[in-house]
Amino acid sequence: MSELDVAKEKIAYLKVWLGILLVTDISTFGWLVSNVDTSAALLLWAGVVVVLALTFGISSSIENGRSQASSRTLDEYSDIDALRLCREL
């Protein structure tokens, strides 16, 4: 498996977990908004902490992805793929 394929697989894997975090964050926030009148204060504060933690996790994973993407440019990956194709010929 070439380095380009490995990078694509890592990106796909990270996108799955980012999607799971995002859906969980939105769902928890929606629960907070809809149950603000009926839930106990402790449960609401726990929900706020969970929403903040998930939001922090999402933003840090996006920043981590940006820093990894900047360490290796797309041109480098295309050069690697081009070299692999030349070797196959």
Protein backbone atom coordinates (compact mmCIF):
# COMPACT_ATOMS: atom_id res chain seq x y z
CA MET A 1 0.00 0.00 0.00
CA SER A 2 1.48 3.34 -1.02
CA GLU A 3 1.88 6.29 1.30
CA LEU A 4 -0.91 8.07 -0.52
CA ASP A 5 -3.30 5.20 0.14
CA VAL A 6 -2.28 5.12 3.79
CA ALA A 7 -2.92 8.87 4.07
CA LYS A 8 -6.35 8.46 2.45
CA GLU A 9 -7.23 5.67 4.89
CA LYS A 10 -6.16 7.79 7.87
CA ILE A 11 -8.27 10.69 6.63
CA ALA A 12 -11.30 8.45 6.16
CA TYR A 13 -10.85 6.98 9.65
CA LEU A 14 -10.57 10.42 11.22
CA LYS A 15 -13.63 11.63 9.31
CA VAL A 16 -15.69 8.79 10.77
CA TRP A 17 -14.73 9.66 14.34
CA LEU A 18 -15.21 13.36 13.70
CA GLY A 19 -18.71 12.63 12.43
CA ILE A 20 -19.50 10.55 15.52
CA LEU A 21 -18.26 13.34 17.79
CA LEU A 22 -20.24 15.93 15.88
CA VAL A 23 -23.51 13.98 15.97
CA THR A 24 -23.07 13.27 19.69
CA ASP A 25 -22.37 16.95 20.36
CA ILE A 26 -25.42 18.12 18.43
CA SER A 27 -27.65 15.52 20.08
CA THR A 28 -26.47 16.42 23.58
CA PHE A 29 -26.93 20.11 22.89
CA GLY A 30 -30.45 19.44 21.57
CA TRP A 31 -31.26 17.45 24.70
CA LEU A 32 -30.03 20.34 26.85
CA VAL A 33 -32.20 22.86 25.03
CA SER A 34 -35.31 20.71 25.12
CA ASN A 35 -34.97 19.66 28.80
CA VAL A 36 -33.80 22.86 30.41
CA ASP A 37 -37.12 23.28 32.26
CA THR A 38 -37.71 19.73 33.46
CA SER A 39 -34.31 18.25 34.37
CA ALA A 40 -32.42 18.48 37.64
CA ALA A 41 -29.68 21.07 37.91
CA LEU A 42 -26.96 18.45 38.35
CA LEU A 43 -28.00 16.67 35.16
CA LEU A 44 -28.06 19.95 33.24
CA TRP A 45 -24.58 20.87 34.46
CA ALA A 46 -23.32 17.43 33.47
CA GLY A 47 -24.82 18.00 30.01
CA VAL A 48 -23.06 21.35 29.73
CA VAL A 49 -19.75 19.75 30.68
CA VAL A 50 -20.28 17.00 28.08
CA VAL A 51 -21.13 19.52 25.35
CA LEU A 52 -18.06 21.59 26.18
CA ALA A 53 -15.81 18.50 26.23
CA LEU A 54 -17.17 17.26 22.90
CA THR A 55 -16.83 20.69 21.32
CA PHE A 56 -13.24 20.90 22.57
CA GLY A 57 -12.56 17.41 21.19
CA ILE A 58 -13.96 18.35 17.80
CA SER A 59 -11.99 21.58 17.58
CA SER A 60 -8.76 19.95 18.71
CA SER A 61 -9.17 17.10 16.22
CA ILE A 62 -9.69 19.63 13.42
CA GLU A 63 -6.58 21.55 14.49
CA ASN A 64 -4.62 18.30 14.71
CA GLY A 65 -5.73 17.42 11.19
CA ARG A 66 -4.65 20.81 9.92
CA SER A 67 -1.21 20.50 11.45
CA GLN A 68 -0.75 17.02 9.99
CA ALA A 69 -1.95 18.19 6.59
CA SER A 70 0.46 21.11 6.60
CA SER A 71 3.38 18.84 7.43
CA ARG A 72 2.91 17.01 4.15
CA THR A 73 1.61 18.75 1.07
CA LEU A 74 -0.47 17.24 -1.67
CA ASP A 75 2.40 17.73 -4.12
CA GLU A 76 4.57 15.40 -2.06
CA TYR A 77 1.89 12.74 -2.16
CA SER A 78 1.43 13.12 -5.90
CA ASP A 79 5.22 12.81 -6.35
CA ILE A 80 5.18 9.61 -4.30
CA ASP A 81 2.32 8.22 -6.38
CA ALA A 82 4.05 9.23 -9.61
CA LEU A 83 7.25 7.49 -8.52
CA ARG A 84 5.29 4.34 -7.74
CA LEU A 85 3.71 4.39 -11.19
CA CYS A 86 7.11 4.86 -12.84
CA ARG A 87 8.51 1.89 -10.96
CA GLU A 88 5.63 -0.30 -12.12
CA LEU A 89 6.38 0.55 -15.74
